[in-house]
Protein backbone atom coordinates (compact mmCIF):
# COMPACT_ATOMS: atom_id res chain seq x y z
CA UNK A 1 93.38 110.22 92.80
CA UNK A 2 89.61 110.66 92.81
CA UNK A 3 88.90 107.33 91.10
CA UNK A 4 91.92 105.37 92.37
CA UNK A 5 91.24 102.38 94.60
CA UNK A 6 92.82 102.64 98.05
CA UNK A 7 93.23 99.81 100.57
CA UNK A 8 94.57 100.26 104.07
CA UNK A 9 96.88 97.35 104.90
CA UNK A 10 96.84 98.15 108.62
CA UNK A 11 93.66 99.41 110.26
CA UNK A 12 92.12 98.28 113.52
CA UNK A 13 89.06 96.87 115.15
CA UNK A 14 88.23 98.39 118.51
CA UNK A 15 86.78 95.57 120.56
CA UNK A 16 83.60 96.37 122.55
CA UNK A 17 84.55 96.62 126.24
CA UNK A 18 82.54 93.56 127.31
CA UNK A 19 83.54 91.32 124.39
CA UNK A 20 86.02 89.13 126.27
CA UNK A 21 83.85 88.63 129.35
CA UNK A 22 81.00 87.56 127.10
CA UNK A 23 83.04 85.18 124.93
CA UNK A 24 85.86 83.53 126.88
CA UNK A 25 85.28 80.09 128.33
CA UNK A 26 83.40 80.16 131.62
CA UNK A 27 86.52 79.04 133.48
CA UNK A 28 88.25 82.30 132.50
CA UNK A 29 85.33 84.72 132.94
CA UNK A 30 86.55 86.17 136.23
CA UNK A 31 89.98 86.84 134.67
CA UNK A 32 88.82 88.23 131.33
CA UNK A 33 90.14 91.60 130.08
CA UNK A 34 87.92 94.51 131.04
CA UNK A 35 87.59 98.29 130.91
CA UNK A 36 87.62 100.25 134.18
CA UNK A 37 86.80 103.86 135.00
CA UNK A 38 89.94 105.65 136.12
CA UNK A 39 93.31 104.27 137.20
CA UNK A 40 95.42 105.47 140.12
CA UNK A 41 93.54 108.75 140.25
CA UNK A 42 93.82 109.39 136.53
CA UNK A 43 90.65 109.93 134.48
CA UNK A 44 89.35 108.07 131.47
CA UNK A 45 88.53 104.45 130.75
CA UNK A 46 91.38 101.95 131.05
CA UNK A 47 91.90 98.56 129.44
CA UNK A 48 93.13 96.11 132.06
CA UNK A 49 93.96 92.43 132.51
CA UNK A 50 96.19 90.85 135.13
CA UNK A 51 99.87 91.77 134.60
CA UNK A 52 99.56 93.96 131.48
CA UNK A 53 100.18 97.68 131.85
CA UNK A 54 96.79 99.47 131.85
CA UNK A 55 96.16 101.73 128.85
CA UNK A 56 93.62 104.51 128.30
CA UNK A 57 91.16 103.34 125.65
CA UNK A 58 90.74 106.82 124.14
CA UNK A 59 93.94 106.35 122.13
CA UNK A 60 92.35 103.46 120.27
CA UNK A 61 89.92 105.90 118.66
CA UNK A 62 91.97 109.10 118.59
CA UNK A 63 92.03 109.58 114.81
CA UNK A 64 91.12 113.05 113.63
CA UNK A 65 92.35 114.63 116.87
CA UNK A 66 95.16 117.17 116.81
CA UNK A 67 98.19 116.64 119.04
CA UNK A 68 96.93 119.46 121.26
CA UNK A 69 93.54 117.75 121.62
CA UNK A 70 94.88 114.33 122.55
CA UNK A 71 95.54 114.86 126.29
CA UNK A 72 91.91 115.89 126.84
CA UNK A 73 90.60 113.22 124.47
CA UNK A 74 92.35 110.50 126.47
CA UNK A 75 90.20 111.42 129.46
CA UNK A 76 87.16 110.20 127.53
CA UNK A 77 85.95 106.65 127.05
CA UNK A 78 83.70 104.57 124.84
CA UNK A 79 81.06 107.32 124.89
CA UNK A 80 83.08 109.04 122.14
CA UNK A 81 84.03 105.88 120.23
CA UNK A 82 82.93 105.56 116.58
CA UNK A 83 79.79 103.51 115.98
CA UNK A 84 81.86 100.96 114.06
CA UNK A 85 83.01 99.53 117.40
CA UNK A 86 79.69 97.73 117.47
CA UNK A 87 78.42 97.83 113.88
CA UNK A 88 80.48 96.76 110.83
CA UNK A 89 78.04 98.57 108.52
CA UNK A 90 79.16 101.80 110.18
CA UNK A 91 82.74 100.85 109.34
CA UNK A 92 81.90 101.04 105.65
CA UNK A 93 80.62 104.57 106.15
CA UNK A 94 83.92 105.52 107.79
CA UNK A 95 85.79 104.02 104.83
CA UNK A 96 83.69 106.01 102.40
CA UNK A 97 84.28 109.24 104.29
CA UNK A 98 88.02 108.58 104.01
CA UNK A 99 87.92 107.42 100.38
CA UNK A 100 89.20 103.96 101.32
CA UNK A 101 87.80 100.87 99.57
CA UNK A 102 88.87 98.11 101.99
CA UNK A 103 90.89 97.56 105.14
CA UNK A 104 92.98 94.83 106.70
CA UNK A 105 91.89 94.88 110.33
CA UNK A 106 94.02 94.08 113.38
CA UNK A 107 93.01 93.93 117.02
CA UNK A 108 93.48 97.04 119.18
CA UNK A 109 93.36 96.05 122.82
CA UNK A 110 94.30 92.48 121.98
CA UNK A 111 97.79 93.64 120.96
CA UNK A 112 98.56 94.26 124.61
CA UNK A 113 97.49 90.74 125.56
CA UNK A 114 100.61 89.31 123.90
CA UNK A 115 102.30 90.41 127.12
CA UNK A 116 100.05 88.37 129.42
CA UNK A 117 102.09 86.04 131.61
CA UNK A 118 99.45 83.28 131.67
CA UNK A 119 99.69 81.48 128.31
CA UNK A 120 96.38 79.64 128.77
CA UNK A 121 94.53 82.89 129.45
CA UNK A 122 96.22 84.53 126.46
CA UNK A 123 95.25 81.67 124.14
CA UNK A 124 91.64 81.80 125.33
CA UNK A 125 91.46 85.58 124.90
CA UNK A 126 92.79 85.23 121.36
CA UNK A 127 90.30 82.47 120.55
CA UNK A 128 87.44 84.70 121.72
CA UNK A 129 88.77 87.67 119.73
CA UNK A 130 89.24 85.56 116.59
CA UNK A 131 85.64 84.38 116.72
CA UNK A 132 84.35 87.92 117.21
CA UNK A 133 86.57 89.31 114.42
CA UNK A 134 85.43 86.65 111.95
CA UNK A 135 81.79 87.39 112.71
CA UNK A 136 82.36 91.14 112.39
CA UNK A 137 83.89 90.81 108.91
CA UNK A 138 81.61 88.10 107.56
CA UNK A 139 78.96 90.43 106.11
CA UNK A 140 81.47 92.46 104.04
CA UNK A 141 84.39 90.13 103.26
CA UNK A 142 85.71 92.26 100.37
CA UNK A 143 85.69 95.43 102.45
CA UNK A 144 86.79 94.05 105.83
CA UNK A 145 89.75 91.65 105.84
CA UNK A 146 90.05 90.40 109.40
CA UNK A 147 93.38 89.28 110.87
CA UNK A 148 93.50 87.01 113.89
CA UNK A 149 95.88 86.65 116.82
CA UNK A 150 97.79 83.51 117.81
CA UNK A 151 100.13 82.70 120.67
CA UNK A 152 102.94 80.22 120.13
CA UNK A 153 103.95 78.56 123.40
CA UNK A 154 102.17 75.42 122.15
CA UNK A 155 103.06 74.99 118.46
CA UNK A 156 100.51 72.24 117.63
CA UNK A 157 97.79 74.37 119.23
CA UNK A 158 99.01 77.38 117.25
CA UNK A 159 98.81 75.40 114.01
CA UNK A 160 95.30 74.25 114.91
CA UNK A 161 94.18 77.81 115.64
CA UNK A 162 95.66 79.08 112.37
CA UNK A 163 93.73 76.40 110.50
CA UNK A 164 90.55 77.19 112.46
CA UNK A 165 90.59 80.92 111.80
CA UNK A 166 91.37 80.41 108.11
CA UNK A 167 88.21 78.32 107.83
CA UNK A 168 86.32 81.14 109.53
CA UNK A 169 87.46 83.58 106.83
CA UNK A 170 90.25 85.49 108.56
CA UNK A 171 93.07 86.42 106.15
CA UNK A 172 96.17 86.15 108.34
CA UNK A 173 97.34 86.33 111.94
CA UNK A 174 99.36 88.36 114.40
CA UNK A 175 102.12 86.54 116.25
CA UNK A 176 104.60 87.90 118.78
CA UNK A 177 106.37 90.85 117.22
CA UNK A 178 109.22 89.95 119.56
CA UNK A 179 109.18 86.37 120.88
CA UNK A 180 110.61 85.21 124.22
CA UNK A 181 114.37 85.77 124.32
CA UNK A 182 115.01 82.08 125.02
CA UNK A 183 112.70 80.95 122.19
CA UNK A 184 113.66 83.02 119.16
CA UNK A 185 111.88 82.41 115.85
CA UNK A 186 115.04 80.95 114.31
CA UNK A 187 114.57 77.93 116.58
CA UNK A 188 113.42 74.77 114.79
CA UNK A 189 110.59 74.41 117.31
CA UNK A 190 108.55 76.89 115.25
CA UNK A 191 109.08 75.11 111.92
CA UNK A 192 105.72 73.25 111.96
CA UNK A 193 103.96 76.59 112.36
CA UNK A 194 105.94 78.25 109.54
CA UNK A 195 105.19 75.24 107.35
CA UNK A 196 101.47 75.49 108.06
CA UNK A 197 101.35 79.23 107.36
CA UNK A 198 103.30 78.72 104.13
CA UNK A 199 101.10 75.86 102.94
CA UNK A 200 97.89 77.74 103.83
CA UNK A 201 99.16 80.99 102.27
CA UNK A 202 98.36 82.81 105.53
CA UNK A 203 100.46 85.97 106.09
CA UNK A 204 101.85 86.39 109.60
CA UNK A 205 102.21 89.88 111.04
CA UNK A 206 104.79 91.41 113.36
CA UNK A 207 102.95 94.47 114.69
CA UNK A 208 104.14 97.04 117.19
CA UNK A 209 103.05 96.46 120.81
CA UNK A 210 102.87 92.68 120.44
CA UNK A 211 106.14 91.60 122.06
CA UNK A 212 106.21 88.87 124.69
CA UNK A 213 107.75 91.36 127.13
CA UNK A 214 104.56 93.43 126.92
CA UNK A 215 103.88 97.13 126.62
CA UNK A 216 106.63 99.07 128.39
CA UNK A 217 105.41 102.59 127.74
CA UNK A 218 105.87 105.07 130.55
CA UNK A 219 103.72 108.19 130.84
CA UNK A 220 106.92 110.12 131.52
CA UNK A 221 108.84 108.47 128.66
CA UNK A 222 106.26 108.22 125.87
CA UNK A 223 108.60 109.44 123.14
CA UNK A 224 111.36 107.06 124.23
CA UNK A 225 108.97 104.13 124.17
CA UNK A 226 107.64 105.15 120.78
CA UNK A 227 111.15 105.19 119.30
CA UNK A 228 111.91 101.72 120.64
CA UNK A 229 108.95 99.99 118.99
CA UNK A 230 110.35 99.30 115.48
CA UNK A 231 113.67 98.04 116.88
CA UNK A 232 112.04 94.91 118.29
CA UNK A 233 110.63 94.01 114.88
CA UNK A 234 113.94 94.69 113.14
CA UNK A 235 115.71 92.26 115.46
CA UNK A 236 113.00 89.64 114.92
CA UNK A 237 113.34 89.88 111.14
CA UNK A 238 117.14 89.78 111.36
CA UNK A 239 116.91 86.61 113.44
CA UNK A 240 114.51 84.98 110.98
CA UNK A 241 116.77 85.83 108.03
CA UNK A 242 120.09 84.78 109.55
CA UNK A 243 118.49 81.79 111.27
CA UNK A 244 117.46 80.37 107.92
CA UNK A 245 113.69 80.57 108.41
CA UNK A 246 113.09 82.06 104.97
CA UNK A 247 115.49 79.61 103.36
CA UNK A 248 113.60 76.66 104.88
CA UNK A 249 110.21 78.21 104.07
CA UNK A 250 110.63 80.26 100.90
CA UNK A 251 106.90 80.97 100.51
CA UNK A 252 106.39 82.21 104.07
CA UNK A 253 104.89 85.71 104.11
CA UNK A 254 105.77 88.04 106.98
CA UNK A 255 104.26 91.51 107.40
CA UNK A 256 106.06 94.23 109.30
CA UNK A 257 103.03 96.20 110.47
CA UNK A 258 103.06 99.80 111.69
CA UNK A 259 106.84 99.81 111.97
CA UNK A 260 107.42 102.32 109.14
CA UNK A 261 109.59 101.59 106.09
CA UNK A 262 112.34 104.22 106.05
CA UNK A 263 114.65 101.97 108.08
CA UNK A 264 114.52 99.15 105.53
CA UNK A 265 117.22 100.40 103.08
CA UNK A 266 119.73 100.84 105.90
CA UNK A 267 118.68 97.53 107.47
CA UNK A 268 119.34 95.69 104.19
CA UNK A 269 122.71 97.40 103.75
CA UNK A 270 123.77 96.65 107.31
CA UNK A 271 122.68 93.01 107.39
CA UNK A 272 124.37 92.35 104.03
CA UNK A 273 127.53 94.05 105.28
CA UNK A 274 127.47 91.99 108.48
CA UNK A 275 126.95 88.81 106.48
CA UNK A 276 129.89 89.65 104.22
CA UNK A 277 132.29 90.48 107.03
CA UNK A 278 131.22 88.31 109.94
CA UNK A 279 129.41 85.19 108.72
CA UNK A 280 132.47 82.96 108.95
CA UNK A 281 132.75 83.64 112.68
CA UNK A 282 129.55 81.70 113.26
CA UNK A 283 129.86 79.46 110.23
CA UNK A 284 126.83 80.90 108.46
CA UNK A 285 126.20 80.22 104.79
CA UNK A 286 122.99 81.23 103.01
CA UNK A 287 122.20 80.68 99.31
CA UNK A 288 120.90 84.27 99.03
CA UNK A 289 122.00 87.57 100.47
CA UNK A 290 120.05 88.57 103.59
CA UNK A 291 118.58 91.55 101.70
CA UNK A 292 117.22 89.18 99.06
CA UNK A 293 115.23 87.28 101.69
CA UNK A 294 113.95 90.63 102.94
CA UNK A 295 112.71 91.58 99.48
CA UNK A 296 111.17 88.16 98.90
CA UNK A 297 109.52 87.29 102.21
CA UNK A 298 108.74 90.54 104.04
CA UNK A 299 105.95 93.03 103.33
CA UNK A 300 105.95 96.34 105.23
CA UNK A 301 103.26 98.91 106.04
CA UNK A 302 103.59 102.63 106.70
CA UNK A 303 101.24 105.55 107.20
CA UNK A 304 102.75 109.00 107.84
CA UNK A 305 106.11 108.83 106.08
CA UNK A 306 106.47 111.19 103.13
CA UNK A 307 109.84 112.22 101.68
CA UNK A 308 111.50 108.85 102.37
CA UNK A 309 108.86 106.68 100.71
CA UNK A 310 110.32 106.97 97.22
CA UNK A 311 113.86 106.19 98.38
CA UNK A 312 112.59 103.06 100.13
CA UNK A 313 110.59 102.09 97.05
CA UNK A 314 113.66 102.24 94.86
CA UNK A 315 115.98 100.33 97.18
CA UNK A 316 113.49 97.86 98.68
CA UNK A 317 110.58 97.04 96.36
CA UNK A 318 107.30 98.62 95.35
CA UNK A 319 105.94 95.05 95.41
CA UNK A 320 106.41 94.76 99.19
CA UNK A 321 105.32 98.18 100.50
CA UNK A 322 101.74 98.81 101.64
CA UNK A 323 100.19 102.06 102.73
CA UNK A 324 97.92 102.00 105.76
CA UNK A 325 95.62 104.43 107.53
CA UNK A 326 95.88 102.92 111.05
CA UNK A 327 92.26 104.01 111.54
CA UNK A 328 90.89 104.67 114.13
CA UNK A 329 94.09 105.02 116.14
CA UNK A 330 95.86 108.22 117.06
CA UNK A 331 98.39 107.99 114.21
CA UNK A 332 95.74 107.89 111.47
CA UNK A 333 95.33 110.62 108.81
CA UNK A 334 91.59 109.79 108.65
CA UNK A 335 89.48 111.39 107.23
CA UNK A 336 92.11 112.93 104.92
CA UNK A 337 93.85 109.80 103.65
CA UNK A 338 93.34 110.61 99.96
CA UNK A 339 94.75 114.07 100.49
CA UNK A 340 97.80 112.60 102.23
CA UNK A 341 98.34 109.99 99.50
CA UNK A 342 98.02 112.54 96.70
CA UNK A 343 100.79 114.63 98.22
CA UNK A 344 103.06 111.75 99.20
CA UNK A 345 102.87 109.91 95.88
CA UNK A 346 102.85 112.84 93.45
CA UNK A 347 106.36 112.02 92.14
CA UNK A 348 106.07 108.23 92.25
CA UNK A 349 105.15 106.36 89.05
CA UNK A 350 101.45 105.57 88.78
CA UNK A 351 102.04 101.84 88.53
CA UNK A 352 104.03 101.71 91.75
CA UNK A 353 101.58 104.01 93.48
CA UNK A 354 98.77 101.61 92.61
CA UNK A 355 100.75 98.68 94.04
CA UNK A 356 101.59 100.43 97.28
CA UNK A 357 98.16 101.94 97.92
CA UNK A 358 96.02 98.97 96.91
CA UNK A 359 97.44 96.24 94.69
CA UNK A 360 99.85 94.63 97.13
CA UNK A 361 97.32 94.45 99.94
CA UNK A 362 94.64 93.15 97.58
CA UNK A 363 96.92 90.33 96.42
CA UNK A 364 98.17 89.51 99.92
CA UNK A 365 94.72 89.31 101.49
CA UNK A 366 92.60 88.13 98.56
CA UNK A 367 90.61 91.32 98.06
CA UNK A 368 89.08 91.34 94.57
């Protein structure tokens, strides 16, 4: 493992706390996301904006902390954040400490903004983030692959923003992991956006915590909320498959990000079984099996899974799985990613290990 290239397919920026107030259009400045000290008598720094549920920022840079340390760590704020929050050169040092060559970088706090009720404010926040992310990555484009964020109430505007961020050097974009219930992705209204992403070869990511309904974590029900997260993405993918999105746009690339991969074999079995037994009830006919669209059009990231990785590889595809560190979030194995990978992949063929830990992400995001 010492000389093997490793790429994280899902790591994160942590936006500086004043970034939005400094970058959104002047008409939105008084409504921009911000970080506040304390919330309802609870300590720490909290990310806040209008109707979204406030979140302690310490979790965005909780990597390297034990589970016992996390409650106290969450009481801290940006004073304990890594230097890479402000300086991309420091990010390279963090990669080197972890033995990682490159990272695909998603927003942190911006994930929560998918739940904003005001679509115009959301679009402006995403525009500001996209500009900042492109600038952050521009000095090290083969080490830092930035991914933007796009909202889709206005499809022509979404297409224009996808084109704009591609020109700025971003390598893909987050969209709602779970769209509005009355505007599912199988609807033809999204087809111009899928066509643009396909033609531009821009992967689109369905990441946890990006549903239109917003973050519904409860302090008293953290584990329940955590278990619900992948289900939203599974339903979105099922809708896209059975709604014919991947049949209409065969080169569309969707990334299931931070939703784990162990569920995929059962998902493929169940959706194929449902198609076999129930498709005539709704008059559904697809040229391929649902599982074949899954293998062709969907890439999936994981970080902590171990014993189930090989089973998923054999039943899904080593060509569509991508390891990720999730750095600097709480779920990251940083700075012991190489140690984790060595143990997890010790019985997996070297060729497939190389695909999952670097090759697939390099091909997807154009990392030489």
